Amino acid sequence: MATLKQLSKNPELLSGGHRACAGCSCAVALRQIMLAAGKDTVISFATGCMEVVTTIYPYSAWRVPYIHNAFENSFSTMSGVEASYQSLKRLGRLPVDKKLNFIAFAGDGGTYDIGFQALSGAAERGHDILHVCYNNEAYMNTGIQRSSATPLGASTTTTPAGKVVPGKKQHKKDLVGIMAAHNIPYVAQTTPAHWKDLNTKVEKALSITGPKFMNVYCSCHRGWRIKEDQSLEILRLAVDCCVAPLFEVEDGEWKLNYKPKEKKPVSEWLKLQGRFKHLSRPEFQPVAEELQAQVDKDWEALLKKCGEA
């Protein structure tokens, strides 16, 4: 794994000057991923926050080949690119020893929801692609609407908390578990607040032939209603509360990458976010308790899968 000093010497493949919000952890994640991936990388990118802020016409912040796709087809587009590349090598029109990295990016809306069919199909067909979801738990680009990655109780523009409705009424989808069930070579979850873990997983994923999936858990200060300088702090807290544990599944073997010395209560994470402000009211306490119970249940299930129970 590259050291921090080595990474700092790698070329910046996502340039400065893009239009991401101050403190945007998604932009931090993209920058870290590209530092690890290197220049021999081709990107497809679904419509979303990071597409909008990095490629407003006529400018682009990308210093590698980049294809913009609709919300639903980043993974389909990259499937075609990767298949074409393999065909050209077989025909002798490209050197067989040339190694390119293919990375398909999408937000949680374009991965968990709109693009899930394309993602599942690409994984099932076995394309040599790293699929990356930058997951900030809502459709932030189009107005902070709920997605199936949005947690229980979160207030969004389509699940607004009021006197009766406590925000979103459903728990979030376990997409990482669903992708692991595809029996692909590598699946992982990480955050940009844990740069070493993220870098290690990107390098590992790109060294493996076949489909790979990474759920990169990111914050959005606008949608989460946090301060700009809390973007990484709150991700570290999410990991310590076991809301977003760091783990990987390699060839069907589950491995926990970080186990908090002291598992913090989910309330510590909730109280920093305006989208959960209403859960502090007595009438909505059962929702906060249900969320804590689900996090505990998921954490115990993960420990068991990883042989850590």
C-alpha atoms as a PDB file:
ATOM      1  CA  MET A   1       0.000   0.000   0.000  1.00  0.00           C
ATOM      2  CA  ALA A   2       1.240   3.472  -0.875  1.00  0.00           C
ATOM      3  CA  THR A   3       2.289   5.637   2.042  1.00  0.00           C
ATOM      4  CA  LEU A   4       0.924   9.129   2.582  1.00  0.00           C
ATOM      5  CA  LYS A   5       4.226  10.565   1.368  1.00  0.00           C
ATOM      6  CA  GLN A   6       4.070   8.480  -1.806  1.00  0.00           C
ATOM      7  CA  LEU A   7       0.452   9.451  -2.460  1.00  0.00           C
ATOM      8  CA  SER A   8       1.319  13.126  -2.043  1.00  0.00           C
ATOM      9  CA  LYS A   9       3.765  12.801  -4.946  1.00  0.00           C
ATOM     10  CA  ASN A  10       1.198  11.266  -7.300  1.00  0.00           C
ATOM     11  CA  PRO A  11      -0.340  13.537  -9.947  1.00  0.00           C
ATOM     12  CA  GLU A  12      -3.598  15.236  -9.000  1.00  0.00           C
ATOM     13  CA  LEU A  13      -6.092  13.735 -11.440  1.00  0.00           C
ATOM     14  CA  LEU A  14      -9.004  15.739 -10.055  1.00  0.00           C
ATOM     15  CA  SER A  15      -7.992  19.359 -10.378  1.00  0.00           C
ATOM     16  CA  GLY A  16      -8.754  22.183  -8.013  1.00  0.00           C
ATOM     17  CA  GLY A  17     -11.139  24.913  -9.047  1.00  0.00           C
ATOM     18  CA  HIS A  18     -14.208  22.700  -9.340  1.00  0.00           C
ATOM     19  CA  ARG A  19     -17.503  23.854  -7.890  1.00  0.00           C
ATOM     20  CA  ALA A  20     -18.001  21.451  -4.994  1.00  0.00           C
ATOM     21  CA  CYS A  21     -19.213  23.019  -1.769  1.00  0.00           C
ATOM     22  CA  ALA A  22     -16.638  24.017   0.822  1.00  0.00           C
ATOM     23  CA  GLY A  23     -16.077  21.008   3.058  1.00  0.00           C
ATOM     24  CA  CYS A  24     -17.566  18.503   0.590  1.00  0.00           C
ATOM     25  CA  SER A  25     -16.391  15.048   1.652  1.00  0.00           C
ATOM     26  CA  CYS A  26     -17.436  13.541  -1.710  1.00  0.00           C
ATOM     27  CA  ALA A  27     -14.816  15.679  -3.460  1.00  0.00           C
ATOM     28  CA  VAL A  28     -12.251  14.519  -0.906  1.00  0.00           C
ATOM     29  CA  ALA A  29     -13.196  10.905  -1.666  1.00  0.00           C
ATOM     30  CA  LEU A  30     -12.837  11.370  -5.437  1.00  0.00           C
ATOM     31  CA  ARG A  31      -9.453  13.013  -5.029  1.00  0.00           C
ATOM     32  CA  GLN A  32      -8.201  10.206  -2.770  1.00  0.00           C
ATOM     33  CA  ILE A  33      -9.512   7.494  -5.107  1.00  0.00           C
ATOM     34  CA  MET A  34      -7.794   9.043  -8.124  1.00  0.00           C
ATOM     35  CA  LEU A  35      -4.502   9.480  -6.264  1.00  0.00           C
ATOM     36  CA  ALA A  36      -4.568   5.731  -5.656  1.00  0.00           C
ATOM     37  CA  ALA A  37      -5.839   4.743  -9.114  1.00  0.00           C
ATOM     38  CA  GLY A  38      -3.313   6.674 -11.190  1.00  0.00           C
ATOM     39  CA  LYS A  39      -3.357   8.168 -14.683  1.00  0.00           C
ATOM     40  CA  ASP A  40      -4.079   4.923 -16.573  1.00  0.00           C
ATOM     41  CA  THR A  41      -7.726   5.147 -15.572  1.00  0.00           C
ATOM     42  CA  VAL A  42     -10.964   5.645 -17.488  1.00  0.00           C
ATOM     43  CA  ILE A  43     -13.962   7.134 -15.678  1.00  0.00           C
ATOM     44  CA  SER A  44     -17.691   6.942 -16.289  1.00  0.00           C
ATOM     45  CA  PHE A  45     -19.816   9.181 -14.103  1.00  0.00           C
ATOM     46  CA  ALA A  46     -23.545   9.220 -13.542  1.00  0.00           C
ATOM     47  CA  THR A  47     -25.410  12.493 -13.288  1.00  0.00           C
ATOM     48  CA  GLY A  48     -25.230  13.746  -9.719  1.00  0.00           C
ATOM     49  CA  CYS A  49     -23.518  16.179  -7.370  1.00  0.00           C
ATOM     50  CA  MET A  50     -19.975  15.329  -8.341  1.00  0.00           C
ATOM     51  CA  GLU A  51     -20.723  15.226 -12.074  1.00  0.00           C
ATOM     52  CA  VAL A  52     -22.300  18.669 -11.912  1.00  0.00           C
ATOM     53  CA  VAL A  53     -19.550  20.329  -9.893  1.00  0.00           C
ATOM     54  CA  THR A  54     -16.619  18.821 -11.840  1.00  0.00           C
ATOM     55  CA  THR A  55     -17.845  19.137 -15.446  1.00  0.00           C
ATOM     56  CA  ILE A  56     -19.856  22.319 -15.887  1.00  0.00           C
ATOM     57  CA  TYR A  57     -19.552  23.103 -19.605  1.00  0.00           C
ATOM     58  CA  PRO A  58     -17.105  23.999 -21.046  1.00  0.00           C
ATOM     59  CA  TYR A  59     -14.812  23.044 -18.157  1.00  0.00           C
ATOM     60  CA  SER A  60     -13.702  19.751 -16.645  1.00  0.00           C
ATOM     61  CA  ALA A  61     -11.782  19.021 -13.454  1.00  0.00           C
ATOM     62  CA  TRP A  62     -10.840  15.536 -14.715  1.00  0.00           C
ATOM     63  CA  ARG A  63      -7.348  14.823 -16.042  1.00  0.00           C
ATOM     64  CA  VAL A  64      -8.190  11.327 -17.271  1.00  0.00           C
ATOM     65  CA  PRO A  65     -10.622  10.080 -19.959  1.00  0.00           C
ATOM     66  CA  TYR A  66     -14.122  10.788 -18.633  1.00  0.00           C
ATOM     67  CA  ILE A  67     -17.617   9.916 -19.851  1.00  0.00           C
ATOM     68  CA  HIS A  68     -20.721  11.591 -18.440  1.00  0.00           C
ATOM     69  CA  ASN A  69     -23.791   9.364 -18.318  1.00  0.00           C
ATOM     70  CA  ALA A  70     -27.401   9.676 -17.289  1.00  0.00           C
ATOM     71  CA  PHE A  71     -28.432   8.915 -13.716  1.00  0.00           C
ATOM     72  CA  GLU A  72     -29.171   5.275 -14.504  1.00  0.00           C
ATOM     73  CA  ASN A  73     -26.418   4.053 -16.805  1.00  0.00           C
ATOM     74  CA  SER A  74     -22.906   4.742 -15.538  1.00  0.00           C
ATOM     75  CA  PHE A  75     -22.356   1.024 -14.989  1.00  0.00           C
ATOM     76  CA  SER A  76     -23.826   0.073 -18.389  1.00  0.00           C
ATOM     77  CA  THR A  77     -21.671   2.638 -20.184  1.00  0.00           C
ATOM     78  CA  MET A  78     -18.490   1.418 -18.521  1.00  0.00           C
ATOM     79  CA  SER A  79     -19.463  -2.176 -19.321  1.00  0.00           C
ATOM     80  CA  GLY A  80     -19.398  -1.244 -23.007  1.00  0.00           C
ATOM     81  CA  VAL A  81     -16.101   0.601 -22.693  1.00  0.00           C
ATOM     82  CA  GLU A  82     -14.437  -2.296 -20.875  1.00  0.00           C
ATOM     83  CA  ALA A  83     -15.817  -4.856 -23.347  1.00  0.00           C
ATOM     84  CA  SER A  84     -14.556  -2.765 -26.281  1.00  0.00           C
ATOM     85  CA  TYR A  85     -11.133  -2.509 -24.689  1.00  0.00           C
ATOM     86  CA  GLN A  86     -10.914  -6.284 -24.236  1.00  0.00           C
ATOM     87  CA  SER A  87     -12.040  -6.797 -27.849  1.00  0.00           C
ATOM     88  CA  LEU A  88      -9.381  -4.426 -29.197  1.00  0.00           C
ATOM     89  CA  LYS A  89      -6.705  -6.315 -27.257  1.00  0.00           C
ATOM     90  CA  ARG A  90      -7.908  -9.637 -28.680  1.00  0.00           C
ATOM     91  CA  LEU A  91      -7.764  -8.155 -32.192  1.00  0.00           C
ATOM     92  CA  GLY A  92      -4.181  -7.020 -31.619  1.00  0.00           C
ATOM     93  CA  ARG A  93      -5.056  -3.339 -31.940  1.00  0.00           C
ATOM     94  CA  LEU A  94      -3.970  -2.625 -28.368  1.00  0.00           C
ATOM     95  CA  PRO A  95      -0.981  -4.104 -26.491  1.00  0.00           C
ATOM     96  CA  VAL A  96      -2.050  -7.135 -24.461  1.00  0.00           C
ATOM     97  CA  ASP A  97       0.189  -6.142 -21.551  1.00  0.00           C
ATOM     98  CA  LYS A  98      -1.378  -2.696 -21.228  1.00  0.00           C
ATOM     99  CA  LYS A  99      -3.335  -2.347 -17.956  1.00  0.00           C
ATOM    100  CA  LEU A 100      -6.125   0.186 -17.705  1.00  0.00           C
ATOM    101  CA  ASN A 101      -8.345   0.798 -14.701  1.00  0.00           C
ATOM    102  CA  PHE A 102     -12.056   1.198 -15.348  1.00  0.00           C
ATOM    103  CA  ILE A 103     -13.999   2.998 -12.609  1.00  0.00           C
ATOM    104  CA  ALA A 104     -17.737   3.711 -12.753  1.00  0.00           C
ATOM    105  CA  PHE A 105     -18.940   6.340 -10.279  1.00  0.00           C
ATOM    106  CA  ALA A 106     -22.464   7.144  -9.148  1.00  0.00           C
ATOM    107  CA  GLY A 107     -24.093   8.615  -6.063  1.00  0.00           C
ATOM    108  CA  ASP A 108     -26.508   6.673  -3.892  1.00  0.00           C
ATOM    109  CA  GLY A 109     -29.428   7.743  -6.082  1.00  0.00           C
ATOM    110  CA  GLY A 110     -27.678   6.447  -9.196  1.00  0.00           C
ATOM    111  CA  THR A 111     -26.508   3.275  -7.431  1.00  0.00           C
ATOM    112  CA  TYR A 112     -28.999   2.180  -4.786  1.00  0.00           C
ATOM    113  CA  ASP A 113     -32.030   3.223  -6.857  1.00  0.00           C
ATOM    114  CA  ILE A 114     -32.021   4.380 -10.483  1.00  0.00           C
ATOM    115  CA  GLY A 115     -28.830   2.601 -11.536  1.00  0.00           C
ATOM    116  CA  PHE A 116     -29.187  -0.619  -9.550  1.00  0.00           C
ATOM    117  CA  GLN A 117     -30.294  -2.716 -12.536  1.00  0.00           C
ATOM    118  CA  ALA A 118     -27.233  -1.592 -14.515  1.00  0.00           C
ATOM    119  CA  LEU A 119     -24.948  -2.250 -11.540  1.00  0.00           C
ATOM    120  CA  SER A 120     -26.337  -5.721 -10.914  1.00  0.00           C
ATOM    121  CA  GLY A 121     -26.117  -6.601 -14.601  1.00  0.00           C
ATOM    122  CA  ALA A 122     -22.519  -5.457 -14.923  1.00  0.00           C
ATOM    123  CA  ALA A 123     -21.552  -7.444 -11.822  1.00  0.00           C
ATOM    124  CA  GLU A 124     -23.364 -10.574 -13.021  1.00  0.00           C
ATOM    125  CA  ARG A 125     -21.695 -10.388 -16.460  1.00  0.00           C
ATOM    126  CA  GLY A 126     -18.271 -10.190 -14.833  1.00  0.00           C
ATOM    127  CA  HIS A 127     -16.901  -6.957 -16.319  1.00  0.00           C
ATOM    128  CA  ASP A 128     -13.485  -5.922 -15.019  1.00  0.00           C
ATOM    129  CA  ILE A 129     -14.751  -2.687 -13.455  1.00  0.00           C
ATOM    130  CA  LEU A 130     -14.514  -1.015 -10.062  1.00  0.00           C
ATOM    131  CA  HIS A 131     -17.984   0.310  -9.254  1.00  0.00           C
ATOM    132  CA  VAL A 132     -17.916   3.151  -6.717  1.00  0.00           C
ATOM    133  CA  CYS A 133     -20.918   4.606  -4.931  1.00  0.00           C
ATOM    134  CA  TYR A 134     -20.244   7.903  -3.200  1.00  0.00           C
ATOM    135  CA  ASN A 135     -23.034   7.575  -0.685  1.00  0.00           C
ATOM    136  CA  ASN A 136     -24.257  10.755   1.022  1.00  0.00           C
ATOM    137  CA  GLU A 137     -27.654   9.222   1.791  1.00  0.00           C
ATOM    138  CA  ALA A 138     -29.979  11.304  -0.422  1.00  0.00           C
ATOM    139  CA  TYR A 139     -30.428  12.892  -3.844  1.00  0.00           C
ATOM    140  CA  MET A 140     -28.460  15.960  -2.833  1.00  0.00           C
ATOM    141  CA  ASN A 141     -27.949  17.329  -6.357  1.00  0.00           C
ATOM    142  CA  THR A 142     -31.661  17.631  -7.159  1.00  0.00           C
ATOM    143  CA  GLY A 143     -32.927  18.999  -3.855  1.00  0.00           C
ATOM    144  CA  ILE A 144     -32.185  16.587  -0.974  1.00  0.00           C
ATOM    145  CA  GLN A 145     -34.851  13.990  -1.732  1.00  0.00           C
ATOM    146  CA  ARG A 146     -34.793  10.636   0.075  1.00  0.00           C
ATOM    147  CA  SER A 147     -33.153   7.614  -1.531  1.00  0.00           C
ATOM    148  CA  SER A 148     -33.112   4.008  -0.375  1.00  0.00           C
ATOM    149  CA  ALA A 149     -29.762   4.847   1.248  1.00  0.00           C
ATOM    150  CA  THR A 150     -31.406   7.440   3.498  1.00  0.00           C
ATOM    151  CA  PRO A 151     -31.623   6.222   7.116  1.00  0.00           C
ATOM    152  CA  LEU A 152     -34.739   5.917   9.208  1.00  0.00           C
ATOM    153  CA  GLY A 153     -35.961   9.208  10.641  1.00  0.00           C
ATOM    154  CA  ALA A 154     -34.023  11.533   8.349  1.00  0.00           C
ATOM    155  CA  SER A 155     -35.873  14.667   7.283  1.00  0.00           C
ATOM    156  CA  THR A 156     -35.599  15.302   3.536  1.00  0.00           C
ATOM    157  CA  THR A 157     -37.647  17.349   1.080  1.00  0.00           C
ATOM    158  CA  THR A 158     -39.703  14.252   0.209  1.00  0.00           C
ATOM    159  CA  THR A 159     -39.846  12.922   3.787  1.00  0.00           C
ATOM    160  CA  PRO A 160     -40.167  16.171   5.768  1.00  0.00           C
ATOM    161  CA  ALA A 161     -40.463  15.802   9.523  1.00  0.00           C
ATOM    162  CA  GLY A 162     -43.560  17.411  10.979  1.00  0.00           C
ATOM    163  CA  LYS A 163     -45.945  17.060  13.881  1.00  0.00           C
ATOM    164  CA  VAL A 164     -46.980  13.561  12.840  1.00  0.00           C
ATOM    165  CA  VAL A 165     -44.430  12.207  10.342  1.00  0.00           C
ATOM    166  CA  PRO A 166     -40.985  11.512  11.876  1.00  0.00           C
ATOM    167  CA  GLY A 167     -39.018  11.846   8.638  1.00  0.00           C
ATOM    168  CA  LYS A 168     -38.259   8.792   6.535  1.00  0.00           C
ATOM    169  CA  LYS A 169     -40.239   5.795   7.737  1.00  0.00           C
ATOM    170  CA  GLN A 170     -38.023   3.036   6.315  1.00  0.00           C
ATOM    171  CA  HIS A 171     -34.551   1.744   7.146  1.00  0.00           C
ATOM    172  CA  LYS A 172     -31.862   2.085   4.494  1.00  0.00           C
ATOM    173  CA  LYS A 173     -31.133  -0.674   2.007  1.00  0.00           C
ATOM    174  CA  ASP A 174     -28.176  -3.010   2.637  1.00  0.00           C
ATOM    175  CA  LEU A 175     -26.608  -2.539  -0.792  1.00  0.00           C
ATOM    176  CA  VAL A 176     -23.177  -3.788   0.267  1.00  0.00           C
ATOM    177  CA  GLY A 177     -24.733  -7.066   1.391  1.00  0.00           C
ATOM    178  CA  ILE A 178     -26.673  -7.273  -1.872  1.00  0.00           C
ATOM    179  CA  MET A 179     -23.489  -6.814  -3.903  1.00  0.00           C
ATOM    180  CA  ALA A 180     -21.687  -9.417  -1.785  1.00  0.00           C
ATOM    181  CA  ALA A 181     -24.543 -11.793  -2.659  1.00  0.00           C
ATOM    182  CA  HIS A 182     -23.571 -11.396  -6.333  1.00  0.00           C
ATOM    183  CA  ASN A 183     -20.455 -13.459  -5.464  1.00  0.00           C
ATOM    184  CA  ILE A 184     -18.119 -10.956  -7.122  1.00  0.00           C
ATOM    185  CA  PRO A 185     -14.413 -10.976  -6.167  1.00  0.00           C
ATOM    186  CA  TYR A 186     -14.379  -7.874  -3.997  1.00  0.00           C
ATOM    187  CA  VAL A 187     -16.838  -5.691  -2.067  1.00  0.00           C
ATOM    188  CA  ALA A 188     -15.962  -3.068   0.544  1.00  0.00           C
ATOM    189  CA  GLN A 189     -17.212  -0.136   2.594  1.00  0.00           C
ATOM    190  CA  THR A 190     -15.045   2.803   3.628  1.00  0.00           C
ATOM    191  CA  THR A 191     -15.006   6.590   4.121  1.00  0.00           C
ATOM    192  CA  PRO A 192     -12.754   9.474   2.991  1.00  0.00           C
ATOM    193  CA  ALA A 193     -12.201  10.254   6.691  1.00  0.00           C
ATOM    194  CA  HIS A 194     -10.155   7.036   6.851  1.00  0.00           C
ATOM    195  CA  TRP A 195      -7.712   7.743   4.030  1.00  0.00           C
ATOM    196  CA  LYS A 196      -5.481   4.739   4.668  1.00  0.00           C
ATOM    197  CA  ASP A 197      -8.419   2.336   4.624  1.00  0.00           C
ATOM    198  CA  LEU A 198      -9.823   3.944   1.460  1.00  0.00           C
ATOM    199  CA  ASN A 199      -6.468   3.917  -0.330  1.00  0.00           C
ATOM    200  CA  THR A 200      -5.758   0.304   0.603  1.00  0.00           C
ATOM    201  CA  LYS A 201      -9.159  -0.817  -0.671  1.00  0.00           C
ATOM    202  CA  VAL A 202      -8.861   1.072  -3.963  1.00  0.00           C
ATOM    203  CA  GLU A 203      -5.427  -0.416  -4.608  1.00  0.00           C
ATOM    204  CA  LYS A 204      -6.640  -3.899  -3.702  1.00  0.00           C
ATOM    205  CA  ALA A 205      -9.774  -3.610  -5.833  1.00  0.00           C
ATOM    206  CA  LEU A 206      -7.848  -2.444  -8.891  1.00  0.00           C
ATOM    207  CA  SER A 207      -5.372  -5.309  -8.527  1.00  0.00           C
ATOM    208  CA  ILE A 208      -8.208  -7.842  -8.810  1.00  0.00           C
ATOM    209  CA  THR A 209      -9.603  -8.939 -12.166  1.00  0.00           C
ATOM    210  CA  GLY A 210     -13.386  -8.891 -12.403  1.00  0.00           C
ATOM    211  CA  PRO A 211     -16.199  -6.781 -10.961  1.00  0.00           C
ATOM    212  CA  LYS A 212     -15.592  -4.911  -7.719  1.00  0.00           C
ATOM    213  CA  PHE A 213     -17.875  -2.681  -5.648  1.00  0.00           C
ATOM    214  CA  MET A 214     -17.059  -0.036  -3.041  1.00  0.00           C
ATOM    215  CA  ASN A 215     -19.575   1.897  -0.953  1.00  0.00           C
ATOM    216  CA  VAL A 216     -17.753   5.095   0.017  1.00  0.00           C
ATOM    217  CA  TYR A 217     -19.743   6.667   2.841  1.00  0.00           C
ATOM    218  CA  CYS A 218     -19.711  10.470   2.500  1.00  0.00           C
ATOM    219  CA  SER A 219     -21.342  13.389   4.292  1.00  0.00           C
ATOM    220  CA  CYS A 220     -23.142  16.372   2.741  1.00  0.00           C
ATOM    221  CA  HIS A 221     -23.153  19.442   4.969  1.00  0.00           C
ATOM    222  CA  ARG A 222     -26.085  20.903   3.021  1.00  0.00           C
ATOM    223  CA  GLY A 223     -28.288  17.821   3.228  1.00  0.00           C
ATOM    224  CA  TRP A 224     -27.160  16.659   6.667  1.00  0.00           C
ATOM    225  CA  ARG A 225     -27.371  20.187   8.096  1.00  0.00           C
ATOM    226  CA  ILE A 226     -23.900  20.186   9.614  1.00  0.00           C
ATOM    227  CA  LYS A 227     -21.104  22.748   9.619  1.00  0.00           C
ATOM    228  CA  GLU A 228     -18.686  22.726   6.679  1.00  0.00           C
ATOM    229  CA  ASP A 229     -15.754  21.834   8.921  1.00  0.00           C
ATOM    230  CA  GLN A 230     -17.555  18.795  10.363  1.00  0.00           C
ATOM    231  CA  SER A 231     -17.642  16.793   7.122  1.00  0.00           C
ATOM    232  CA  LEU A 232     -14.904  14.322   8.046  1.00  0.00           C
ATOM    233  CA  GLU A 233     -15.424  14.442  11.798  1.00  0.00           C
ATOM    234  CA  ILE A 234     -18.986  13.192  11.428  1.00  0.00           C
ATOM    235  CA  LEU A 235     -17.834  10.316   9.197  1.00  0.00           C
ATOM    236  CA  ARG A 236     -15.371   9.193  11.855  1.00  0.00           C
ATOM    237  CA  LEU A 237     -18.191   9.380  14.382  1.00  0.00           C
ATOM    238  CA  ALA A 238     -20.447   7.302  12.099  1.00  0.00           C
ATOM    239  CA  VAL A 239     -17.786   4.591  12.074  1.00  0.00           C
ATOM    240  CA  ASP A 240     -17.377   4.707  15.864  1.00  0.00           C
ATOM    241  CA  CYS A 241     -21.167   4.488  16.279  1.00  0.00           C
ATOM    242  CA  CYS A 242     -21.184   1.528  13.840  1.00  0.00           C
ATOM    243  CA  VAL A 243     -23.554   3.369  11.522  1.00  0.00           C
ATOM    244  CA  ALA A 244     -20.986   2.931   8.735  1.00  0.00           C
ATOM    245  CA  PRO A 245     -18.523   0.185   9.715  1.00  0.00           C
ATOM    246  CA  LEU A 246     -15.339  -0.409   7.731  1.00  0.00           C
ATOM    247  CA  PHE A 247     -15.234  -3.905   6.244  1.00  0.00           C
ATOM    248  CA  GLU A 248     -14.542  -5.860   3.065  1.00  0.00           C
ATOM    249  CA  VAL A 249     -15.636  -9.103   1.445  1.00  0.00           C
ATOM    250  CA  GLU A 250     -12.924 -10.782  -0.625  1.00  0.00           C
ATOM    251  CA  ASP A 251     -13.841 -13.989  -2.470  1.00  0.00           C
ATOM    252  CA  GLY A 252     -16.735 -14.486  -0.067  1.00  0.00           C
ATOM    253  CA  GLU A 253     -14.640 -13.989   3.089  1.00  0.00           C
ATOM    254  CA  TRP A 254     -15.888 -11.184   5.322  1.00  0.00           C
ATOM    255  CA  LYS A 255     -13.273  -9.111   7.168  1.00  0.00           C
ATOM    256  CA  LEU A 256     -13.764  -6.299   9.673  1.00  0.00           C
ATOM    257  CA  ASN A 257     -11.178  -3.539   9.129  1.00  0.00           C
ATOM    258  CA  TYR A 258     -11.876  -1.486  12.242  1.00  0.00           C
ATOM    259  CA  LYS A 259     -13.498  -2.262  15.568  1.00  0.00           C
ATOM    260  CA  PRO A 260     -14.138   0.718  17.867  1.00  0.00           C
ATOM    261  CA  LYS A 261     -12.554   0.418  21.288  1.00  0.00           C
ATOM    262  CA  GLU A 262     -15.717   2.001  22.623  1.00  0.00           C
ATOM    263  CA  LYS A 263     -18.872   1.678  20.524  1.00  0.00           C
ATOM    264  CA  LYS A 264     -20.550   5.073  20.792  1.00  0.00           C
ATOM    265  CA  PRO A 265     -24.326   5.519  20.884  1.00  0.00           C
ATOM    266  CA  VAL A 266     -26.005   6.570  17.647  1.00  0.00           C
ATOM    267  CA  SER A 267     -27.420   9.600  19.492  1.00  0.00           C
ATOM    268  CA  GLU A 268     -23.910  11.129  19.441  1.00  0.00           C
ATOM    269  CA  TRP A 269     -24.049  11.053  15.625  1.00  0.00           C
ATOM    270  CA  LEU A 270     -27.678  12.191  15.386  1.00  0.00           C
ATOM    271  CA  LYS A 271     -27.376  15.274  17.572  1.00  0.00           C
ATOM    272  CA  LEU A 272     -24.848  16.941  15.252  1.00  0.00           C
ATOM    273  CA  GLN A 273     -27.196  16.816  12.255  1.00  0.00           C
ATOM    274  CA  GLY A 274     -30.091  19.116  11.531  1.00  0.00           C
ATOM    275  CA  ARG A 275     -31.842  16.434   9.490  1.00  0.00           C
ATOM    276  CA  PHE A 276     -32.374  14.507  12.746  1.00  0.00           C
ATOM    277  CA  LYS A 277     -33.121  17.496  14.992  1.00  0.00           C
ATOM    278  CA  HIS A 278     -36.764  16.488  15.401  1.00  0.00           C
ATOM    279  CA  LEU A 279     -35.773  13.117  16.904  1.00  0.00           C
ATOM    280  CA  SER A 280     -34.862  14.915  20.124  1.00  0.00           C
ATOM    281  CA  ARG A 281     -38.567  15.569  20.721  1.00  0.00           C
ATOM    282  CA  PRO A 282     -40.216  13.138  23.169  1.00  0.00           C
ATOM    283  CA  GLU A 283     -42.850  11.951  20.703  1.00  0.00           C
ATOM    284  CA  PHE A 284     -40.160  10.822  18.250  1.00  0.00           C
ATOM    285  CA  GLN A 285     -37.873   9.100  20.750  1.00  0.00           C
ATOM    286  CA  PRO A 286     -39.161   5.649  19.645  1.00  0.00           C
ATOM    287  CA  VAL A 287     -37.800   6.381  16.156  1.00  0.00           C
ATOM    288  CA  ALA A 288     -34.331   7.152  17.527  1.00  0.00           C
ATOM    289  CA  GLU A 289     -34.495   4.004  19.635  1.00  0.00           C
ATOM    290  CA  GLU A 290     -35.527   1.915  16.621  1.00  0.00           C
ATOM    291  CA  LEU A 291     -32.609   3.314  14.646  1.00  0.00           C
ATOM    292  CA  GLN A 292     -30.210   2.423  17.469  1.00  0.00           C
ATOM    293  CA  ALA A 293     -31.684  -1.078  17.672  1.00  0.00           C
ATOM    294  CA  GLN A 294     -31.210  -1.606  13.917  1.00  0.00           C
ATOM    295  CA  VAL A 295     -27.610  -0.385  14.044  1.00  0.00           C
ATOM    296  CA  ASP A 296     -26.930  -2.779  16.946  1.00  0.00           C
ATOM    297  CA  LYS A 297     -28.540  -5.659  15.065  1.00  0.00           C
ATOM    298  CA  ASP A 298     -26.573  -4.951  11.888  1.00  0.00           C
ATOM    299  CA  TRP A 299     -23.321  -4.602  13.855  1.00  0.00           C
ATOM    300  CA  GLU A 300     -23.790  -7.938  15.605  1.00  0.00           C
ATOM    301  CA  ALA A 301     -24.609  -9.603  12.280  1.00  0.00           C
ATOM    302  CA  LEU A 302     -21.447  -8.103  10.748  1.00  0.00           C
ATOM    303  CA  LEU A 303     -19.289  -9.282  13.661  1.00  0.00           C
ATOM    304  CA  LYS A 304     -20.664 -12.781  13.175  1.00  0.00           C
ATOM    305  CA  LYS A 305     -19.975 -12.772   9.425  1.00  0.00           C
ATOM    306  CA  CYS A 306     -16.422 -11.567  10.093  1.00  0.00           C
ATOM    307  CA  GLY A 307     -15.781 -14.144  12.829  1.00  0.00           C
ATOM    308  CA  GLU A 308     -15.544 -11.375  15.443  1.00  0.00           C
ATOM    309  CA  ALA A 309     -18.652 -12.180  17.471  1.00  0.00           C
END
